[in-house]
């Protein structure tokens, strides 16, 4: 299974980065509706675990950094580049100051 690993630094408060992360995963869920994406916030709000048809991953939220790890199935491997590009853009937007 191809693995994608992303990391970004941020300087938002815990509440702000969590709110931004929530918006991000909701948008990803809409865009990936055909893949049945679903996600769950961890009880301690340290991150989000998500799954869908052909992928699974984690989104870890730390005080000054966010990390996303995605495992793609062989079925989605041909789309690795496209997925990387979309996630890179989404994470850049997540940590950008408005």
N, C-alpha and C. Protein backbone atom coordinates (compact mmCIF):
# COMPACT_ATOMS: atom_id res chain seq x y z
N UNK A 1 0.84 -1.19 0.00
CA UNK A 1 0.00 0.00 0.00
C UNK A 1 0.88 1.25 0.00
N UNK A 2 0.67 2.15 -0.96
CA UNK A 2 1.41 3.41 -0.94
C UNK A 2 1.03 4.24 0.28
N UNK A 3 2.03 4.86 0.89
CA UNK A 3 1.81 5.71 2.06
C UNK A 3 2.17 7.14 1.70
N UNK A 4 1.32 8.05 2.11
CA UNK A 4 1.56 9.47 1.92
C UNK A 4 1.72 10.10 3.29
N UNK A 5 2.74 10.93 3.45
CA UNK A 5 3.01 11.56 4.74
C UNK A 5 3.18 13.05 4.53
N UNK A 6 2.44 13.84 5.28
CA UNK A 6 2.46 15.29 5.15
C UNK A 6 2.66 15.92 6.52
N UNK A 7 3.34 17.06 6.55
CA UNK A 7 3.56 17.76 7.80
C UNK A 7 3.59 19.26 7.53
N UNK A 8 2.99 20.03 8.42
CA UNK A 8 3.01 21.48 8.34
C UNK A 8 3.14 22.05 9.75
N UNK A 9 3.85 23.17 9.87
CA UNK A 9 3.90 23.87 11.15
C UNK A 9 2.79 24.92 11.16
N UNK A 10 2.38 25.29 12.36
CA UNK A 10 1.35 26.33 12.51
C UNK A 10 1.61 27.10 13.79
N UNK A 11 0.97 28.25 13.90
CA UNK A 11 1.08 29.02 15.14
C UNK A 11 -0.30 29.47 15.63
N UNK A 12 -1.27 28.57 15.49
CA UNK A 12 -2.63 28.81 15.97
C UNK A 12 -2.81 28.24 17.36
N UNK A 13 -3.81 28.74 18.06
CA UNK A 13 -4.18 28.16 19.35
C UNK A 13 -4.77 26.76 19.10
N UNK A 14 -4.86 26.00 20.14
CA UNK A 14 -5.42 24.65 20.03
C UNK A 14 -6.85 24.69 19.50
N UNK A 15 -7.66 25.59 20.03
CA UNK A 15 -9.05 25.70 19.57
C UNK A 15 -9.13 26.09 18.10
N UNK A 16 -8.28 27.04 17.69
CA UNK A 16 -8.32 27.51 16.30
C UNK A 16 -7.87 26.43 15.33
N UNK A 17 -6.77 25.74 15.63
CA UNK A 17 -6.30 24.71 14.69
C UNK A 17 -7.30 23.55 14.64
N UNK A 18 -7.94 23.22 15.76
CA UNK A 18 -8.96 22.17 15.75
C UNK A 18 -10.16 22.58 14.90
N UNK A 19 -10.58 23.83 15.02
CA UNK A 19 -11.71 24.31 14.21
C UNK A 19 -11.35 24.28 12.73
N UNK A 20 -10.15 24.69 12.39
CA UNK A 20 -9.70 24.67 11.01
C UNK A 20 -9.61 23.23 10.49
N UNK A 21 -9.10 22.33 11.32
CA UNK A 21 -9.00 20.92 10.92
C UNK A 21 -10.38 20.34 10.68
N UNK A 22 -11.34 20.72 11.51
CA UNK A 22 -12.70 20.21 11.34
C UNK A 22 -13.29 20.66 10.00
N UNK A 23 -13.06 21.91 9.64
CA UNK A 23 -13.51 22.41 8.34
C UNK A 23 -12.83 21.64 7.21
N UNK A 24 -11.53 21.42 7.35
CA UNK A 24 -10.78 20.69 6.33
C UNK A 24 -11.35 19.29 6.10
N UNK A 25 -11.55 18.52 7.17
CA UNK A 25 -12.03 17.15 6.97
C UNK A 25 -13.47 17.11 6.46
N UNK A 26 -14.27 18.09 6.83
CA UNK A 26 -15.63 18.14 6.30
C UNK A 26 -15.60 18.38 4.78
N UNK A 27 -14.71 19.27 4.34
CA UNK A 27 -14.58 19.53 2.90
C UNK A 27 -14.04 18.30 2.18
N UNK A 28 -13.05 17.63 2.77
CA UNK A 28 -12.53 16.42 2.16
C UNK A 28 -13.60 15.34 2.07
N UNK A 29 -14.44 15.25 3.11
CA UNK A 29 -15.51 14.25 3.09
C UNK A 29 -16.49 14.54 1.95
N UNK A 30 -16.80 15.81 1.72
CA UNK A 30 -17.68 16.17 0.60
C UNK A 30 -17.03 15.80 -0.74
N UNK A 31 -15.75 16.15 -0.90
CA UNK A 31 -15.05 15.88 -2.15
C UNK A 31 -14.88 14.39 -2.40
N UNK A 32 -14.82 13.60 -1.32
CA UNK A 32 -14.57 12.17 -1.45
C UNK A 32 -15.82 11.35 -1.14
N UNK A 33 -16.97 11.95 -1.35
CA UNK A 33 -18.23 11.26 -1.07
C UNK A 33 -18.33 9.94 -1.83
N UNK A 34 -17.83 9.91 -3.04
CA UNK A 34 -17.92 8.69 -3.83
C UNK A 34 -17.05 7.56 -3.25
N UNK A 35 -16.09 7.92 -2.40
CA UNK A 35 -15.24 6.91 -1.77
C UNK A 35 -15.69 6.59 -0.35
N UNK A 36 -16.82 7.12 0.05
CA UNK A 36 -17.39 6.79 1.35
C UNK A 36 -16.53 7.21 2.53
N UNK A 37 -15.89 8.37 2.42
CA UNK A 37 -15.03 8.82 3.51
C UNK A 37 -15.83 9.09 4.77
N UNK A 38 -15.28 8.66 5.89
CA UNK A 38 -15.85 8.97 7.19
C UNK A 38 -14.69 9.27 8.13
N UNK A 39 -14.95 10.04 9.16
CA UNK A 39 -13.89 10.40 10.10
C UNK A 39 -14.42 10.48 11.53
N UNK A 40 -13.51 10.37 12.47
CA UNK A 40 -13.84 10.45 13.90
C UNK A 40 -12.76 11.24 14.61
N UNK A 41 -13.20 12.23 15.37
CA UNK A 41 -12.26 12.94 16.23
C UNK A 41 -11.88 12.03 17.40
N UNK A 42 -10.61 12.03 17.75
CA UNK A 42 -10.19 11.30 18.95
C UNK A 42 -10.76 12.00 20.17
N UNK A 43 -11.03 11.24 21.19
CA UNK A 43 -11.68 11.78 22.39
C UNK A 43 -10.88 12.93 23.01
N UNK A 44 -9.56 12.85 22.96
CA UNK A 44 -8.72 13.90 23.56
C UNK A 44 -8.45 15.07 22.61
N UNK A 45 -9.08 15.07 21.44
CA UNK A 45 -8.94 16.11 20.42
C UNK A 45 -7.51 16.24 19.89
N UNK A 46 -6.73 15.17 19.99
CA UNK A 46 -5.35 15.20 19.49
C UNK A 46 -5.28 14.91 18.00
N UNK A 47 -6.41 14.62 17.40
CA UNK A 47 -6.41 14.34 15.97
C UNK A 47 -7.66 13.65 15.50
N UNK A 48 -7.60 13.26 14.24
CA UNK A 48 -8.74 12.68 13.54
C UNK A 48 -8.28 11.41 12.84
N UNK A 49 -9.08 10.38 12.93
CA UNK A 49 -8.84 9.13 12.20
C UNK A 49 -9.91 9.06 11.11
N UNK A 50 -9.49 8.67 9.90
CA UNK A 50 -10.45 8.63 8.80
C UNK A 50 -10.23 7.39 7.94
N UNK A 51 -11.31 6.98 7.28
CA UNK A 51 -11.28 5.81 6.40
C UNK A 51 -12.21 6.07 5.21
N UNK A 52 -12.01 5.27 4.20
CA UNK A 52 -12.87 5.31 3.04
C UNK A 52 -12.59 4.07 2.21
N UNK A 53 -13.31 3.94 1.11
CA UNK A 53 -13.09 2.81 0.23
C UNK A 53 -11.73 2.96 -0.44
N UNK A 54 -10.76 2.19 0.01
CA UNK A 54 -9.44 2.21 -0.59
C UNK A 54 -8.41 3.06 0.11
N UNK A 55 -8.72 3.62 1.26
CA UNK A 55 -7.74 4.41 1.99
C UNK A 55 -8.10 4.48 3.48
N UNK A 56 -7.09 4.80 4.28
CA UNK A 56 -7.30 5.08 5.69
C UNK A 56 -6.17 6.01 6.11
N UNK A 57 -6.39 6.73 7.20
CA UNK A 57 -5.35 7.64 7.61
C UNK A 57 -5.57 8.25 8.97
N UNK A 58 -4.57 9.04 9.35
CA UNK A 58 -4.63 9.77 10.61
C UNK A 58 -4.23 11.22 10.36
N UNK A 59 -4.79 12.09 11.14
CA UNK A 59 -4.47 13.50 11.09
C UNK A 59 -4.16 13.91 12.52
N UNK A 60 -2.89 14.06 12.83
CA UNK A 60 -2.45 14.37 14.20
C UNK A 60 -2.26 15.87 14.34
N UNK A 61 -2.79 16.41 15.43
CA UNK A 61 -2.71 17.84 15.69
C UNK A 61 -1.89 18.05 16.95
N UNK A 62 -0.78 18.76 16.77
CA UNK A 62 0.13 19.04 17.88
C UNK A 62 0.16 20.55 18.09
N UNK A 63 0.74 21.01 19.20
CA UNK A 63 0.72 22.45 19.50
C UNK A 63 1.30 23.35 18.41
N UNK A 64 2.29 22.90 17.66
CA UNK A 64 2.88 23.75 16.61
C UNK A 64 2.99 23.04 15.27
N UNK A 65 2.34 21.89 15.13
CA UNK A 65 2.50 21.08 13.92
C UNK A 65 1.26 20.23 13.68
N UNK A 66 0.98 19.98 12.41
CA UNK A 66 -0.04 19.00 12.03
C UNK A 66 0.63 17.97 11.12
N UNK A 67 0.24 16.72 11.27
CA UNK A 67 0.78 15.63 10.46
C UNK A 67 -0.36 14.79 9.94
N UNK A 68 -0.29 14.44 8.66
CA UNK A 68 -1.30 13.57 8.07
C UNK A 68 -0.59 12.40 7.40
N UNK A 69 -1.08 11.21 7.71
CA UNK A 69 -0.56 9.99 7.11
C UNK A 69 -1.74 9.29 6.44
N UNK A 70 -1.57 8.95 5.17
CA UNK A 70 -2.63 8.28 4.42
C UNK A 70 -2.07 7.01 3.80
N UNK A 71 -2.76 5.91 4.01
CA UNK A 71 -2.44 4.64 3.35
C UNK A 71 -3.44 4.44 2.21
N UNK A 72 -2.93 4.36 1.00
CA UNK A 72 -3.78 4.12 -0.16
C UNK A 72 -3.75 2.64 -0.52
N UNK A 73 -4.88 2.12 -0.94
CA UNK A 73 -4.92 0.75 -1.43
C UNK A 73 -4.28 0.69 -2.81
N UNK A 74 -4.00 -0.50 -3.26
CA UNK A 74 -3.44 -0.66 -4.61
C UNK A 74 -4.41 -0.13 -5.66
N UNK A 75 -5.70 -0.19 -5.38
CA UNK A 75 -6.71 0.31 -6.30
C UNK A 75 -6.56 1.81 -6.53
N UNK A 76 -6.17 2.56 -5.47
CA UNK A 76 -6.03 4.00 -5.58
C UNK A 76 -4.59 4.45 -5.87
N UNK A 77 -3.66 3.53 -5.91
CA UNK A 77 -2.26 3.86 -6.15
C UNK A 77 -2.04 4.70 -7.42
N UNK A 78 -2.77 4.43 -8.51
CA UNK A 78 -2.56 5.25 -9.71
C UNK A 78 -2.93 6.73 -9.51
N UNK A 79 -3.70 7.02 -8.48
CA UNK A 79 -4.14 8.38 -8.21
C UNK A 79 -3.30 9.07 -7.13
N UNK A 80 -2.19 8.45 -6.76
CA UNK A 80 -1.34 8.96 -5.69
C UNK A 80 -0.94 10.42 -5.93
N UNK A 81 -0.48 10.74 -7.11
CA UNK A 81 -0.05 12.10 -7.42
C UNK A 81 -1.16 13.12 -7.27
N UNK A 82 -2.34 12.77 -7.75
CA UNK A 82 -3.48 13.66 -7.64
C UNK A 82 -3.86 13.87 -6.17
N UNK A 83 -3.87 12.79 -5.40
CA UNK A 83 -4.21 12.88 -3.97
C UNK A 83 -3.18 13.75 -3.26
N UNK A 84 -1.89 13.53 -3.54
CA UNK A 84 -0.84 14.33 -2.92
C UNK A 84 -1.03 15.82 -3.19
N UNK A 85 -1.32 16.15 -4.43
CA UNK A 85 -1.51 17.55 -4.80
C UNK A 85 -2.67 18.20 -4.06
N UNK A 86 -3.79 17.48 -3.97
CA UNK A 86 -4.96 18.02 -3.29
C UNK A 86 -4.72 18.19 -1.79
N UNK A 87 -4.06 17.21 -1.18
CA UNK A 87 -3.79 17.29 0.26
C UNK A 87 -2.78 18.41 0.55
N UNK A 88 -1.76 18.54 -0.29
CA UNK A 88 -0.77 19.62 -0.12
C UNK A 88 -1.47 20.98 -0.11
N UNK A 89 -2.35 21.21 -1.08
CA UNK A 89 -3.09 22.48 -1.15
C UNK A 89 -3.96 22.69 0.08
N UNK A 90 -4.66 21.63 0.49
CA UNK A 90 -5.56 21.75 1.64
C UNK A 90 -4.78 22.06 2.92
N UNK A 91 -3.64 21.42 3.11
CA UNK A 91 -2.84 21.67 4.31
C UNK A 91 -2.21 23.06 4.29
N UNK A 92 -1.78 23.51 3.12
CA UNK A 92 -1.25 24.87 3.01
C UNK A 92 -2.30 25.89 3.40
N UNK A 93 -3.52 25.67 2.95
CA UNK A 93 -4.63 26.56 3.30
C UNK A 93 -4.95 26.48 4.80
N UNK A 94 -4.86 25.29 5.35
CA UNK A 94 -5.15 25.08 6.77
C UNK A 94 -4.25 25.93 7.66
N UNK A 95 -2.98 26.00 7.35
CA UNK A 95 -2.03 26.69 8.23
C UNK A 95 -1.76 28.14 7.84
N UNK A 96 -2.36 28.59 6.74
CA UNK A 96 -2.16 29.96 6.29
C UNK A 96 -2.95 30.94 7.15
N UNK A 97 -2.28 32.00 7.56
CA UNK A 97 -2.96 33.06 8.30
C UNK A 97 -3.81 33.85 7.32
N UNK A 98 -5.05 34.12 7.71
CA UNK A 98 -5.97 34.86 6.83
C UNK A 98 -5.64 36.33 6.78
